[in-house]
Amino acid sequence: MAFQLLPQFLCLGAQKAGTTTLHHMLAAHPQVFLPPTKEVQFFSLHYQRGLAWYAAQFEAALPNQQLGEITPYYLFHPYAPARINAVLPEVRCIVLLRDPVERCISHYFHARRLGFEHLSLVDALAAESSRLEGSVGRLSEANGCDLAHQELSYLSRSRYEDQLARYEPLHQQGRLLIVRSEDLFANPSQCWQRIQCFLRLDPQPLRSSLNPANAGNGESDSVHSVQRWQLRQELMRTYTVLAERYGVHWP
């Protein structure tokens, strides 16, 4: 197996922030190859399968294509950054970030739709810390997995400052691009230009109008403004750090 068949770029996440839409955009670029199945999960759930298995995901690429993959769990998984650095020391990474409160709410209803969550939003958020207790240890093995960490981590996954800190070397080296998902959908052509420039791709226009993929059914509208305000206070450190450290703001 030719181990050189490894990605030049990754999209690390965040979950419920537009990564499926980005997958469609990048897959349409003739200079990009993405595995047909989004979320390869090599650096999170399948590290024990080894580089031969990972390289096989890209064996259908053409010689002139950049290889990439999109797995939103990489941003949150505590051991993914070190694994990525060991295997792909020159990789360029994209992070899509959605308003932390809206991402948290969307994640909750996503878990409800998939049958992972049966508690109310209030009760699920209250139970989160106990559900995640010990999860980092359970994930330490190469084949480690933890359902609560992956699926029921609503507030934790919205604490972007903790996750981005693990990728700080990439940020310092200019190999980390942060894009607000709100901008991706409000100004898709401008964001697409940024992404192509970052990946050093020849400019290609967007082929069609951009609509959110993997969107919910409007359940988030049922969350009262008071509860949204309470979540904003809970996540205030995230808003502050993202603004001060990365220049990323949400109103």
Protein backbone atom coordinates (compact mmCIF):
# COMPACT_ATOMS: atom_id res chain seq x y z
CA MET A 1 0.00 0.00 0.00
CA ALA A 2 1.29 3.45 -0.94
CA PHE A 3 1.23 5.50 2.21
CA GLN A 4 1.67 8.68 0.19
CA LEU A 5 -2.07 8.45 -0.52
CA LEU A 6 -2.87 10.51 2.55
CA PRO A 7 -4.79 13.79 2.87
CA GLN A 8 -3.33 17.21 2.31
CA PHE A 9 -6.28 18.77 4.12
CA LEU A 10 -8.94 17.97 6.71
CA CYS A 11 -12.13 19.61 7.85
CA LEU A 12 -12.19 19.07 11.61
CA GLY A 13 -15.74 20.20 12.42
CA ALA A 14 -17.68 21.48 14.18
CA GLN A 15 -20.69 19.19 14.25
CA LYS A 16 -23.94 20.86 13.09
CA ALA A 17 -21.99 23.76 11.58
CA GLY A 18 -22.24 23.11 7.85
CA THR A 19 -19.64 20.40 7.26
CA THR A 20 -21.99 18.36 5.03
CA THR A 21 -22.55 21.41 2.85
CA LEU A 22 -18.79 22.00 2.68
CA HIS A 23 -18.34 18.37 1.66
CA HIS A 24 -20.65 18.91 -1.32
CA MET A 25 -18.81 22.10 -2.29
CA LEU A 26 -15.35 20.56 -2.16
CA ALA A 27 -16.41 17.31 -3.85
CA ALA A 28 -17.51 19.33 -6.88
CA HIS A 29 -14.05 20.85 -7.35
CA PRO A 30 -12.10 18.93 -10.02
CA GLN A 31 -8.82 19.26 -8.10
CA VAL A 32 -10.24 17.71 -4.92
CA PHE A 33 -10.81 14.08 -3.97
CA LEU A 34 -12.92 13.24 -0.94
CA PRO A 35 -13.82 9.69 0.11
CA PRO A 36 -17.38 8.92 -1.02
CA THR A 37 -18.40 8.39 2.60
CA LYS A 38 -18.16 11.54 4.70
CA GLU A 39 -16.68 11.08 8.20
CA VAL A 40 -13.94 8.51 7.73
CA GLN A 41 -13.27 8.81 11.51
CA PHE A 42 -9.72 7.46 11.23
CA PHE A 43 -8.15 9.77 13.84
CA SER A 44 -11.11 9.32 16.20
CA LEU A 45 -12.74 5.89 16.02
CA HIS A 46 -10.61 3.81 13.62
CA TYR A 47 -6.99 4.65 14.43
CA GLN A 48 -6.26 1.02 15.24
CA ARG A 49 -6.91 0.06 11.60
CA GLY A 50 -3.61 1.62 10.58
CA LEU A 51 -2.29 3.69 7.70
CA ALA A 52 -2.89 1.04 5.05
CA TRP A 53 -6.63 1.14 5.78
CA TYR A 54 -6.64 4.95 5.85
CA ALA A 55 -4.73 5.25 2.57
CA ALA A 56 -7.18 2.86 0.93
CA GLN A 57 -9.93 5.45 1.40
CA PHE A 58 -8.14 7.66 -1.17
CA GLU A 59 -6.94 5.09 -3.71
CA ALA A 60 -9.52 6.19 -6.33
CA ALA A 61 -8.07 9.73 -6.48
CA LEU A 62 -6.61 11.08 -9.70
CA PRO A 63 -2.92 12.09 -9.74
CA ASN A 64 -3.68 15.82 -9.97
CA GLN A 65 -6.18 15.90 -7.09
CA GLN A 66 -5.69 17.08 -3.54
CA LEU A 67 -6.86 14.55 -1.00
CA GLY A 68 -9.03 15.58 1.90
CA GLU A 69 -11.63 14.32 4.31
CA ILE A 70 -14.27 15.80 6.58
CA THR A 71 -14.91 14.36 10.03
CA PRO A 72 -16.55 16.77 12.53
CA TYR A 73 -15.59 14.61 15.51
CA TYR A 74 -11.89 15.43 15.02
CA LEU A 75 -12.33 18.89 16.53
CA PHE A 76 -13.81 17.50 19.75
CA HIS A 77 -11.95 14.21 20.10
CA PRO A 78 -9.19 14.73 22.72
CA TYR A 79 -6.63 12.48 21.01
CA ALA A 80 -7.25 13.37 17.36
CA PRO A 81 -4.87 16.39 17.29
CA ALA A 82 -1.79 14.40 18.36
CA ARG A 83 -2.66 11.57 15.97
CA ILE A 84 -3.15 14.00 13.09
CA ASN A 85 0.18 15.67 13.83
CA ALA A 86 1.97 12.31 13.91
CA VAL A 87 0.54 11.10 10.59
CA LEU A 88 0.00 14.36 8.68
CA PRO A 89 2.57 16.89 9.95
CA GLU A 90 2.00 19.28 7.02
CA VAL A 91 -1.79 19.03 6.81
CA ARG A 92 -3.98 22.11 6.39
CA CYS A 93 -7.21 22.16 8.39
CA ILE A 94 -10.55 23.93 8.05
CA VAL A 95 -12.89 24.54 10.98
CA LEU A 96 -16.49 25.65 10.52
CA LEU A 97 -17.90 27.28 13.64
CA ARG A 98 -21.55 28.10 14.26
CA ASP A 99 -22.93 30.37 16.96
CA PRO A 100 -22.23 28.24 20.07
CA VAL A 101 -25.77 28.47 21.44
CA GLU A 102 -27.41 27.61 18.13
CA ARG A 103 -24.98 24.75 17.56
CA CYS A 104 -25.74 23.34 21.01
CA ILE A 105 -29.50 23.45 20.42
CA SER A 106 -29.22 21.99 16.94
CA HIS A 107 -27.02 19.17 18.27
CA TYR A 108 -29.63 18.32 20.91
CA PHE A 109 -32.46 18.02 18.38
CA HIS A 110 -30.18 16.06 16.02
CA ALA A 111 -29.61 13.53 18.82
CA ARG A 112 -33.37 13.39 19.44
CA ARG A 113 -34.09 12.66 15.77
CA LEU A 114 -31.50 9.86 15.72
CA GLY A 115 -32.89 8.28 18.89
CA PHE A 116 -29.82 8.92 21.07
CA GLU A 117 -31.61 11.40 23.35
CA HIS A 118 -34.85 10.99 25.27
CA LEU A 119 -34.53 13.70 27.93
CA SER A 120 -35.84 17.24 27.60
CA LEU A 121 -33.33 19.90 26.61
CA VAL A 122 -33.10 21.21 30.16
CA ASP A 123 -32.60 17.75 31.65
CA ALA A 124 -30.13 16.70 28.94
CA LEU A 125 -27.94 19.74 29.57
CA ALA A 126 -28.10 19.13 33.32
CA ALA A 127 -27.08 15.49 32.80
CA GLU A 128 -24.23 16.22 30.40
CA SER A 129 -21.34 16.41 32.88
CA SER A 130 -22.28 13.13 34.58
CA ARG A 131 -22.80 11.43 31.23
CA LEU A 132 -19.32 12.45 30.07
CA GLU A 133 -17.54 11.53 33.31
CA GLY A 134 -14.63 9.24 32.50
CA SER A 135 -15.11 9.50 28.74
CA VAL A 136 -11.61 10.90 28.04
CA GLY A 137 -10.08 7.83 29.65
CA ARG A 138 -12.32 5.50 27.67
CA LEU A 139 -11.18 7.19 24.46
CA SER A 140 -7.48 6.83 25.19
CA GLU A 141 -7.13 3.48 23.44
CA ALA A 142 -6.66 3.44 19.66
CA ASN A 143 -10.05 1.73 19.32
CA GLY A 144 -11.68 3.65 22.15
CA CYS A 145 -15.23 4.93 21.75
CA ASP A 146 -17.79 6.55 23.99
CA LEU A 147 -21.35 7.13 22.81
CA ALA A 148 -22.09 9.94 25.27
CA HIS A 149 -18.90 11.81 24.32
CA GLN A 150 -19.76 11.57 20.63
CA GLU A 151 -23.51 12.10 20.67
CA LEU A 152 -24.61 13.75 23.95
CA SER A 153 -21.93 16.44 24.39
CA TYR A 154 -24.08 19.47 23.60
CA LEU A 155 -22.47 22.22 25.67
CA SER A 156 -19.01 20.64 25.58
CA ARG A 157 -18.87 20.61 21.79
CA SER A 158 -19.82 24.29 21.75
CA ARG A 159 -16.84 25.22 23.95
CA TYR A 160 -14.68 25.92 20.93
CA GLU A 161 -11.89 27.59 22.89
CA ASP A 162 -10.94 24.30 24.55
CA GLN A 163 -10.97 22.41 21.27
CA LEU A 164 -9.06 25.00 19.26
CA ALA A 165 -6.37 25.16 21.95
CA ARG A 166 -5.38 21.60 21.02
CA TYR A 167 -4.81 22.78 17.45
CA GLU A 168 -2.89 25.93 18.41
CA PRO A 169 0.31 24.90 16.54
CA LEU A 170 -1.69 24.76 13.31
CA HIS A 171 -3.12 28.20 14.00
CA GLN A 172 0.33 29.67 14.67
CA GLN A 173 1.70 28.15 11.46
CA GLY A 174 -1.12 29.48 9.29
CA ARG A 175 -2.44 26.00 8.56
CA LEU A 176 -5.82 26.47 10.27
CA LEU A 177 -8.69 28.29 8.57
CA ILE A 178 -11.69 29.23 10.72
CA VAL A 179 -14.92 30.02 8.87
CA ARG A 180 -18.19 31.00 10.53
CA SER A 181 -20.96 28.78 9.19
CA GLU A 182 -23.27 31.80 9.22
CA ASP A 183 -20.93 33.44 6.69
CA LEU A 184 -20.78 30.27 4.61
CA PHE A 185 -24.53 30.44 4.04
CA ALA A 186 -24.92 34.23 3.91
CA ASN A 187 -21.88 34.88 1.66
CA PRO A 188 -21.06 31.52 0.06
CA SER A 189 -19.06 32.87 -2.88
CA GLN A 190 -16.78 34.92 -0.63
CA CYS A 191 -16.22 32.00 1.75
CA TRP A 192 -15.63 29.66 -1.18
CA GLN A 193 -12.90 31.98 -2.45
CA ARG A 194 -11.23 31.95 0.99
CA ILE A 195 -11.37 28.17 1.17
CA GLN A 196 -9.96 27.68 -2.33
CA CYS A 197 -7.15 30.14 -1.63
CA PHE A 198 -6.33 28.43 1.67
CA LEU A 199 -6.16 25.02 -0.05
CA ARG A 200 -4.25 26.48 -3.02
CA LEU A 201 -6.87 25.33 -5.50
CA ASP A 202 -7.53 26.91 -8.86
CA PRO A 203 -10.60 29.16 -8.47
CA GLN A 204 -13.86 27.52 -9.46
CA PRO A 205 -17.30 29.14 -9.18
CA LEU A 206 -19.96 27.57 -7.04
CA ARG A 207 -22.02 25.34 -9.27
CA SER A 208 -25.41 25.93 -7.67
CA SER A 209 -27.19 27.82 -4.94
CA LEU A 210 -26.11 26.88 -1.45
CA ASN A 211 -28.71 25.40 0.88
CA PRO A 212 -27.97 23.91 4.30
CA ALA A 213 -27.51 20.16 4.06
CA ASN A 214 -28.46 17.79 6.89
CA ALA A 215 -30.65 20.51 8.38
CA GLY A 216 -33.26 19.89 11.04
CA ASN A 217 -37.01 20.27 10.88
CA GLY A 218 -37.32 23.62 12.64
CA GLU A 219 -37.39 22.14 16.14
CA SER A 220 -34.96 24.78 17.39
CA ASP A 221 -37.66 27.42 16.98
CA SER A 222 -39.40 25.93 20.01
CA VAL A 223 -36.57 26.96 22.36
CA HIS A 224 -37.57 30.10 24.26
CA SER A 225 -35.44 33.24 24.06
CA VAL A 226 -34.92 33.10 27.83
CA GLN A 227 -33.34 29.65 27.56
CA ARG A 228 -31.16 30.87 24.71
CA TRP A 229 -30.01 33.75 26.92
CA GLN A 230 -29.19 31.32 29.73
CA LEU A 231 -27.14 29.20 27.34
CA ARG A 232 -25.34 32.32 26.15
CA GLN A 233 -24.31 33.06 29.74
CA GLU A 234 -23.17 29.46 30.19
CA LEU A 235 -21.02 29.75 27.07
CA MET A 236 -19.86 33.35 27.54
CA ARG A 237 -16.21 32.36 27.87
CA THR A 238 -16.41 30.80 24.41
CA TYR A 239 -17.76 34.00 22.88
CA THR A 240 -15.09 36.06 24.63
CA VAL A 241 -12.11 33.87 23.74
CA LEU A 242 -13.18 33.40 20.13
CA ALA A 243 -13.50 37.15 19.69
CA GLU A 244 -10.23 38.04 21.41
CA ARG A 245 -8.03 35.16 20.21
CA TYR A 246 -9.40 34.40 16.75
CA GLY A 247 -11.38 37.48 15.75
CA VAL A 248 -14.56 35.45 15.44
CA HIS A 249 -17.68 37.25 16.66
CA TRP A 250 -21.37 36.42 17.01
CA PRO A 251 -23.92 39.14 17.82
